[in-house]
Amino acid sequence: MMKDIISLNRFNEITSKFSSIDPIVVVGDVGIDKYTFGEVRRISPEAPVPVLEVTKEWLKLGLAANISHNLRTLGVKSTLCGVVGEDNNANLFDNLLEDEKLNTWGIVRTKSRPTIFKERVTTDTQQICRIDYESSEYIDEETEQKILLRINEFVKTHQALIIEDYAKGTLTKSLIASLITKFKSNGKLVAVDPGRSTPPLYYKGATLLKPNLKEAKIMVESLGYKEKKLENIAKILIDKLDLQMLVITLGAEGMALLDIKTQPELKIIPTVANEVFDVSGAGDTAISVLTSALLAGATLEEAAWIGNCASGVVVGKKGTATVNLEELNSFFQKLVKKINH
């Protein structure tokens, strides 16, 4: 399986084009990830819970904003579109975008919901708890129209659309349908990272769908099938959702892929991760790299190999992480050496 890996020349040819790709529109639920890190030396006298002595805390772009952050570290330009509240966290979010040199043009503010904020309280060895500030209600029609108007301005100047669905209410049925129709009719690639609780038919007509195995099984079940076989799950999703490409991430087992134009039989490529510290953000990295590689002229299989390497870098880091071209290149070269030995 590993012998099918792409050549170093082809890897360089594809990744060197990342910086010249036209920008990608990223749409989805956006928010802030806060990490509160410390040590536990005692149990609280007030209740049987650990007392965390905080040594450091930091903020990162979370949810779909992590996709734009991933794209930027790969040298790919993007415009992030999403909804935040009229609150202090919205200002914090804008500052984080500006710190990462990402524009704030596509961000819409609304009084009807808070800015999503997730705090992870953790030690060196474990996460103690997570605190979420959010609303999962769908956005109102006025907010939906505002976001649609913003995105319509970007269709002509952007090369693709990534829909990143965390099922927190930004992506309504009508918004997803309008976006897929608009971008597809302009000849643009539409990639979707689906939400677990979103009805799969909302994504009908996308170019590429990238669920993980659990999500793929849930989607097929909600389409009315009791199917366990991976090959059949893939065919049902391609057929019922009118997709061209499908990538199912299989965790430690790698990725399963299907492209009805070039590779109609399901192909599995193995995982390449050396050690796994944290899987949060690996899916964000995979969709970022898959889309960028396809736009740079890769086949789906070539894009999957590069995406697999990028996820391999990210799971070796703590927290919601990104990968840059240098890390990606170095990981790939080590991998090729290991295979050839």
Protein backbone atom coordinates (compact mmCIF):
# COMPACT_ATOMS: atom_id res chain seq x y z
CA MET A 1 0.00 0.00 0.00
CA MET A 2 2.74 2.46 0.96
CA LYS A 3 4.51 1.78 -2.35
CA ASP A 4 1.69 3.66 -4.12
CA ILE A 5 2.76 6.91 -2.44
CA ILE A 6 3.34 9.84 -4.80
CA SER A 7 6.88 10.74 -5.86
CA LEU A 8 8.81 13.55 -4.19
CA ASN A 9 8.82 15.45 -7.51
CA ARG A 10 5.05 15.26 -7.79
CA PHE A 11 4.64 16.20 -4.12
CA ASN A 12 6.81 19.31 -4.66
CA GLU A 13 5.08 20.16 -7.94
CA ILE A 14 1.66 20.20 -6.26
CA THR A 15 2.59 21.93 -2.99
CA SER A 16 4.67 24.60 -4.74
CA LYS A 17 1.49 25.77 -6.49
CA PHE A 18 -0.36 26.43 -3.21
CA SER A 19 0.69 30.09 -3.04
CA SER A 20 -0.59 30.82 -6.55
CA ILE A 21 -4.09 29.34 -6.05
CA ASP A 22 -6.89 31.91 -6.15
CA PRO A 23 -8.46 32.41 -2.70
CA ILE A 24 -10.90 29.86 -1.21
CA VAL A 25 -14.14 30.86 0.56
CA VAL A 26 -14.52 29.06 3.92
CA VAL A 27 -18.05 29.08 5.37
CA GLY A 28 -19.22 27.61 8.65
CA ASP A 29 -19.53 27.92 12.40
CA VAL A 30 -16.68 30.01 13.77
CA GLY A 31 -15.41 30.58 17.28
CA ILE A 32 -12.56 30.72 19.74
CA ASP A 33 -10.75 27.82 21.40
CA LYS A 34 -9.25 28.68 24.78
CA TYR A 35 -6.73 26.36 26.44
CA THR A 36 -6.22 26.63 30.21
CA PHE A 37 -3.23 24.52 31.18
CA GLY A 38 -1.79 23.67 34.59
CA GLU A 39 -1.00 21.10 37.24
CA VAL A 40 -3.19 19.28 39.76
CA ARG A 41 -1.60 18.70 43.17
CA ARG A 42 -4.67 18.44 45.40
CA ILE A 43 -8.40 17.86 45.60
CA SER A 44 -10.66 20.80 46.45
CA PRO A 45 -11.90 20.97 50.08
CA GLU A 46 -15.25 22.26 48.72
CA ALA A 47 -16.12 19.29 46.50
CA PRO A 48 -14.42 16.07 45.29
CA VAL A 49 -12.86 17.79 42.27
CA PRO A 50 -9.24 18.49 41.30
CA VAL A 51 -7.81 21.99 41.80
CA LEU A 52 -5.94 23.14 38.71
CA GLU A 53 -3.03 25.49 39.36
CA VAL A 54 -2.91 27.37 36.08
CA THR A 55 0.54 27.83 34.50
CA LYS A 56 -0.51 29.11 31.07
CA GLU A 57 -3.52 29.90 28.93
CA TRP A 58 -3.88 30.75 25.28
CA LEU A 59 -6.51 31.47 22.63
CA LYS A 60 -6.74 30.03 19.13
CA LEU A 61 -9.09 30.32 16.18
CA GLY A 62 -11.61 27.49 16.43
CA LEU A 63 -14.15 25.58 14.33
CA ALA A 64 -14.22 26.73 10.67
CA ALA A 65 -11.77 29.54 11.50
CA ASN A 66 -9.16 26.82 12.00
CA ILE A 67 -9.58 25.93 8.30
CA SER A 68 -8.64 29.46 7.22
CA HIS A 69 -5.74 29.36 9.68
CA ASN A 70 -4.60 26.02 8.20
CA LEU A 71 -4.86 27.39 4.65
CA ARG A 72 -2.81 30.45 5.57
CA THR A 73 0.03 28.39 7.09
CA LEU A 74 0.07 26.39 3.81
CA GLY A 75 0.40 29.62 1.84
CA VAL A 76 -3.18 29.49 0.48
CA LYS A 77 -5.34 32.63 0.60
CA SER A 78 -8.90 32.42 1.92
CA THR A 79 -11.89 34.47 3.04
CA LEU A 80 -13.65 33.21 6.14
CA CYS A 81 -17.42 33.69 6.39
CA GLY A 82 -19.36 33.05 9.58
CA VAL A 83 -21.43 34.53 12.38
CA VAL A 84 -20.35 35.97 15.74
CA GLY A 85 -22.31 37.74 18.50
CA GLU A 86 -22.35 41.38 19.52
CA ASP A 87 -20.06 40.68 22.49
CA ASN A 88 -16.50 40.97 23.78
CA ASN A 89 -15.59 37.57 22.37
CA ALA A 90 -16.48 38.83 18.88
CA ASN A 91 -13.83 41.56 19.29
CA LEU A 92 -11.37 38.94 20.57
CA PHE A 93 -12.20 36.82 17.51
CA ASP A 94 -11.53 39.74 15.13
CA ASN A 95 -8.20 40.37 16.87
CA LEU A 96 -7.20 36.70 16.49
CA LEU A 97 -8.04 36.86 12.77
CA GLU A 98 -5.95 40.01 12.37
CA ASP A 99 -3.06 38.45 14.34
CA GLU A 100 -3.03 35.62 11.78
CA LYS A 101 -3.32 38.14 8.89
CA LEU A 102 -6.77 36.84 7.96
CA ASN A 103 -9.38 39.33 6.81
CA THR A 104 -12.63 39.96 8.69
CA TRP A 105 -14.77 40.91 5.64
CA GLY A 106 -16.89 37.76 5.71
CA ILE A 107 -17.78 37.87 9.42
CA VAL A 108 -21.34 38.92 10.27
CA ARG A 109 -22.36 40.04 13.76
CA THR A 110 -25.77 39.35 15.28
CA LYS A 111 -27.42 40.15 18.61
CA SER A 112 -29.36 36.89 18.55
CA ARG A 113 -26.53 34.55 19.57
CA PRO A 114 -23.22 34.56 21.45
CA THR A 115 -19.82 34.17 19.84
CA ILE A 116 -18.91 30.48 20.19
CA PHE A 117 -16.21 30.09 22.85
CA LYS A 118 -14.85 26.74 24.03
CA GLU A 119 -12.49 26.47 26.97
CA ARG A 120 -10.50 23.29 27.50
CA VAL A 121 -9.07 22.84 30.99
CA THR A 122 -6.15 20.46 30.80
CA THR A 123 -3.02 19.07 32.42
CA ASP A 124 -0.05 17.40 30.80
CA THR A 125 -1.80 14.05 30.91
CA GLN A 126 -5.53 14.70 30.61
CA GLN A 127 -8.36 17.09 29.82
CA ILE A 128 -10.25 17.83 33.04
CA CYS A 129 -13.27 19.49 31.46
CA ARG A 130 -14.49 21.61 28.58
CA ILE A 131 -16.68 24.69 29.01
CA ASP A 132 -18.81 25.72 26.01
CA TYR A 133 -20.49 29.08 25.44
CA GLU A 134 -22.71 28.68 22.38
CA SER A 135 -26.14 28.46 20.84
CA SER A 136 -26.95 25.66 18.37
CA GLU A 137 -30.16 27.34 17.17
CA TYR A 138 -30.22 28.06 13.45
CA ILE A 139 -29.43 31.69 12.55
CA ASP A 140 -32.44 33.88 11.71
CA GLU A 141 -33.38 34.81 8.15
CA GLU A 142 -31.97 38.32 8.40
CA THR A 143 -28.52 37.01 9.45
CA GLU A 144 -28.68 34.35 6.72
CA GLN A 145 -29.37 37.02 4.07
CA LYS A 146 -26.50 39.16 5.36
CA ILE A 147 -24.05 36.28 5.12
CA LEU A 148 -25.34 35.28 1.67
CA LEU A 149 -24.87 38.84 0.37
CA ARG A 150 -21.29 38.86 1.66
CA ILE A 151 -20.47 35.51 0.09
CA ASN A 152 -22.03 36.46 -3.27
CA GLU A 153 -19.35 39.15 -3.56
CA PHE A 154 -16.64 36.48 -3.39
CA VAL A 155 -17.90 33.92 -5.94
CA LYS A 156 -16.16 35.42 -8.98
CA THR A 157 -12.82 36.15 -7.30
CA HIS A 158 -12.46 32.89 -5.35
CA GLN A 159 -11.58 29.49 -6.77
CA ALA A 160 -13.47 27.14 -4.44
CA LEU A 161 -15.78 26.86 -1.45
CA ILE A 162 -15.18 24.85 1.72
CA ILE A 163 -18.31 24.27 3.83
CA GLU A 164 -17.22 23.33 7.36
CA ASP A 165 -20.25 22.21 9.35
CA TYR A 166 -20.05 21.82 13.12
CA ALA A 167 -23.87 21.86 13.37
CA LYS A 168 -23.91 25.00 15.53
CA GLY A 169 -26.61 26.72 13.49
CA THR A 170 -24.78 28.86 10.91
CA LEU A 171 -25.39 26.50 8.00
CA THR A 172 -29.13 26.40 7.37
CA LYS A 173 -30.62 24.16 4.70
CA SER A 174 -31.34 27.12 2.38
CA LEU A 175 -27.90 28.69 2.92
CA ILE A 176 -26.08 25.45 2.02
CA ALA A 177 -28.31 24.91 -1.05
CA SER A 178 -27.78 28.50 -2.28
CA LEU A 179 -24.01 28.26 -1.82
CA ILE A 180 -23.62 24.89 -3.58
CA THR A 181 -25.77 26.06 -6.53
CA LYS A 182 -24.01 29.43 -6.80
CA PHE A 183 -20.45 28.09 -6.70
CA LYS A 184 -21.12 25.01 -8.87
CA SER A 185 -22.87 27.10 -11.55
CA ASN A 186 -19.77 29.29 -11.65
CA GLY A 187 -17.61 26.19 -12.25
CA LYS A 188 -16.05 26.22 -8.77
CA LEU A 189 -15.13 23.25 -6.59
CA VAL A 190 -17.32 22.78 -3.48
CA ALA A 191 -15.81 20.71 -0.64
CA VAL A 192 -17.87 19.77 2.43
CA ASP A 193 -16.76 18.63 5.88
CA PRO A 194 -20.19 17.49 7.16
CA GLY A 195 -21.87 17.95 10.53
CA ARG A 196 -22.91 14.79 12.34
CA SER A 197 -26.48 15.94 13.03
CA THR A 198 -27.13 17.76 9.74
CA PRO A 199 -29.42 15.88 7.31
CA PRO A 200 -27.07 14.59 4.57
CA LEU A 201 -29.34 15.74 1.71
CA TYR A 202 -28.47 19.34 2.66
CA TYR A 203 -25.10 18.69 0.96
CA LYS A 204 -26.55 17.34 -2.30
CA GLY A 205 -24.58 18.41 -5.35
CA ALA A 206 -21.25 19.19 -3.63
CA THR A 207 -18.09 18.21 -5.52
CA LEU A 208 -16.33 16.55 -2.58
CA LEU A 209 -17.60 15.24 0.76
CA LYS A 210 -15.18 14.37 3.58
CA PRO A 211 -16.90 12.61 6.50
CA ASN A 212 -15.11 10.40 8.99
CA LEU A 213 -16.25 6.77 9.21
CA LYS A 214 -18.69 7.38 12.07
CA GLU A 215 -20.25 10.35 10.23
CA ALA A 216 -20.47 8.34 6.99
CA LYS A 217 -22.34 5.54 8.79
CA ILE A 218 -24.74 8.01 10.43
CA MET A 219 -25.38 9.70 7.06
CA VAL A 220 -26.15 6.43 5.28
CA GLU A 221 -28.45 5.38 8.11
CA SER A 222 -30.36 8.66 7.98
CA LEU A 223 -30.76 8.11 4.22
CA GLY A 224 -32.61 4.91 5.16
CA TYR A 225 -29.92 2.22 4.70
CA LYS A 226 -28.57 -0.31 7.16
CA GLU A 227 -25.15 -0.78 5.64
CA LYS A 228 -21.91 -1.84 7.30
CA LYS A 229 -19.69 -2.45 4.25
CA LEU A 230 -17.43 0.51 3.51
CA GLU A 231 -17.65 0.08 -0.26
CA ASN A 232 -21.45 0.19 -0.20
CA ILE A 233 -21.52 3.14 2.23
CA ALA A 234 -19.33 5.08 -0.23
CA LYS A 235 -21.49 4.20 -3.24
CA ILE A 236 -24.71 5.19 -1.44
CA LEU A 237 -23.27 8.58 -0.47
CA ILE A 238 -21.93 9.28 -3.99
CA ASP A 239 -25.24 8.26 -5.57
CA LYS A 240 -27.79 9.81 -3.18
CA LEU A 241 -25.88 13.07 -2.65
CA ASP A 242 -24.86 13.46 -6.29
CA LEU A 243 -21.14 13.85 -5.45
CA GLN A 244 -18.13 13.59 -7.72
CA MET A 245 -15.61 12.75 -4.99
CA LEU A 246 -15.75 11.20 -1.56
CA VAL A 247 -13.03 10.85 1.07
CA ILE A 248 -13.88 8.93 4.25
CA THR A 249 -11.24 9.38 6.93
CA LEU A 250 -10.67 6.14 8.85
CA GLY A 251 -8.49 7.35 11.75
CA ALA A 252 -5.67 4.85 12.32
CA GLU A 253 -6.73 2.96 9.16
CA GLY A 254 -6.04 5.88 6.78
CA MET A 255 -8.47 7.21 4.15
CA ALA A 256 -10.96 5.64 1.74
CA LEU A 257 -11.51 7.48 -1.53
CA LEU A 258 -13.70 7.44 -4.58
CA ASP A 259 -13.76 9.76 -7.62
CA ILE A 260 -16.44 8.81 -10.14
CA LYS A 261 -14.50 10.48 -12.98
CA THR A 262 -11.08 8.90 -12.46
CA GLN A 263 -11.33 6.25 -9.76
CA PRO A 264 -14.78 4.67 -9.53
CA GLU A 265 -13.60 1.80 -7.29
CA LEU A 266 -13.04 2.53 -3.59
CA LYS A 267 -9.34 2.81 -2.75
CA ILE A 268 -7.87 2.81 0.75
CA ILE A 269 -4.58 4.54 1.50
CA PRO A 270 -2.90 3.83 4.84
CA THR A 271 -2.33 6.31 7.66
CA VAL A 272 1.14 7.78 7.96
CA ALA A 273 1.01 9.28 11.49
CA ASN A 274 3.96 8.29 13.70
CA GLU A 275 2.48 9.13 17.10
CA VAL A 276 -0.85 10.61 18.08
CA PHE A 277 -1.09 13.26 20.81
CA ASP A 278 -4.32 14.93 19.83
CA VAL A 279 -6.78 14.43 16.97
CA SER A 280 -8.57 17.78 17.40
CA GLY A 281 -8.13 19.77 14.22
CA ALA A 282 -6.92 16.82 12.09
CA GLY A 283 -10.15 16.89 10.06
CA ASP A 284 -9.75 20.64 9.50
CA THR A 285 -6.23 20.08 8.22
CA ALA A 286 -7.32 17.21 5.94
CA ILE A 287 -10.07 19.23 4.19
CA SER A 288 -7.74 22.25 3.84
CA VAL A 289 -4.99 20.21 2.20
CA LEU A 290 -7.30 18.05 0.05
CA THR A 291 -8.98 21.14 -1.42
CA SER A 292 -5.70 23.02 -1.96
CA ALA A 293 -4.06 20.02 -3.64
CA LEU A 294 -7.04 19.46 -5.97
CA LEU A 295 -6.93 23.14 -6.97
CA ALA A 296 -3.18 22.78 -7.60
CA GLY A 297 -3.91 20.04 -10.15
CA ALA A 298 -3.63 16.87 -8.03
CA THR A 299 -5.77 13.80 -8.59
CA LEU A 300 -7.90 12.81 -5.60
CA GLU A 301 -5.43 10.06 -4.70
CA GLU A 302 -2.46 12.46 -4.82
CA ALA A 303 -4.42 15.00 -2.76
CA ALA A 304 -5.27 12.28 -0.21
CA TRP A 305 -1.61 11.29 0.21
CA ILE A 306 -0.66 14.92 0.88
CA GLY A 307 -3.68 15.37 3.19
CA ASN A 308 -2.71 12.22 5.03
CA CYS A 309 0.82 13.56 5.63
CA ALA A 310 -0.56 16.89 6.85
CA SER A 311 -2.88 15.11 9.32
CA GLY A 312 0.15 13.05 10.41
CA VAL A 313 1.98 16.26 11.34
CA VAL A 314 -1.02 17.74 13.17
CA VAL A 315 -1.93 14.73 15.35
CA GLY A 316 1.64 14.83 16.67
CA LYS A 317 0.94 18.28 18.19
CA LYS A 318 -1.15 19.28 21.21
CA GLY A 319 -4.35 21.33 20.76
CA THR A 320 -6.06 22.56 17.60
CA ALA A 321 -3.02 22.69 15.36
CA THR A 322 -1.97 23.75 11.88
CA VAL A 323 0.77 22.58 9.51
CA ASN A 324 3.08 24.69 7.37
CA LEU A 325 4.76 23.71 4.10
CA GLU A 326 8.14 23.21 5.74
CA GLU A 327 6.72 20.71 8.28
CA LEU A 328 4.72 18.99 5.55
CA ASN A 329 7.77 18.69 3.31
CA SER A 330 10.00 17.39 6.08
CA PHE A 331 7.36 14.81 7.16
CA PHE A 332 6.97 13.62 3.56
CA GLN A 333 10.72 13.26 2.98
CA LYS A 334 11.14 11.22 6.18
CA LEU A 335 8.23 9.04 5.13
CA VAL A 336 9.71 8.36 1.68
CA LYS A 337 13.08 7.47 3.27
CA LYS A 338 11.35 5.09 5.70
CA ILE A 339 9.47 3.35 2.85
CA ASN A 340 12.62 2.99 0.72
CA HIS A 341 14.66 1.45 3.54
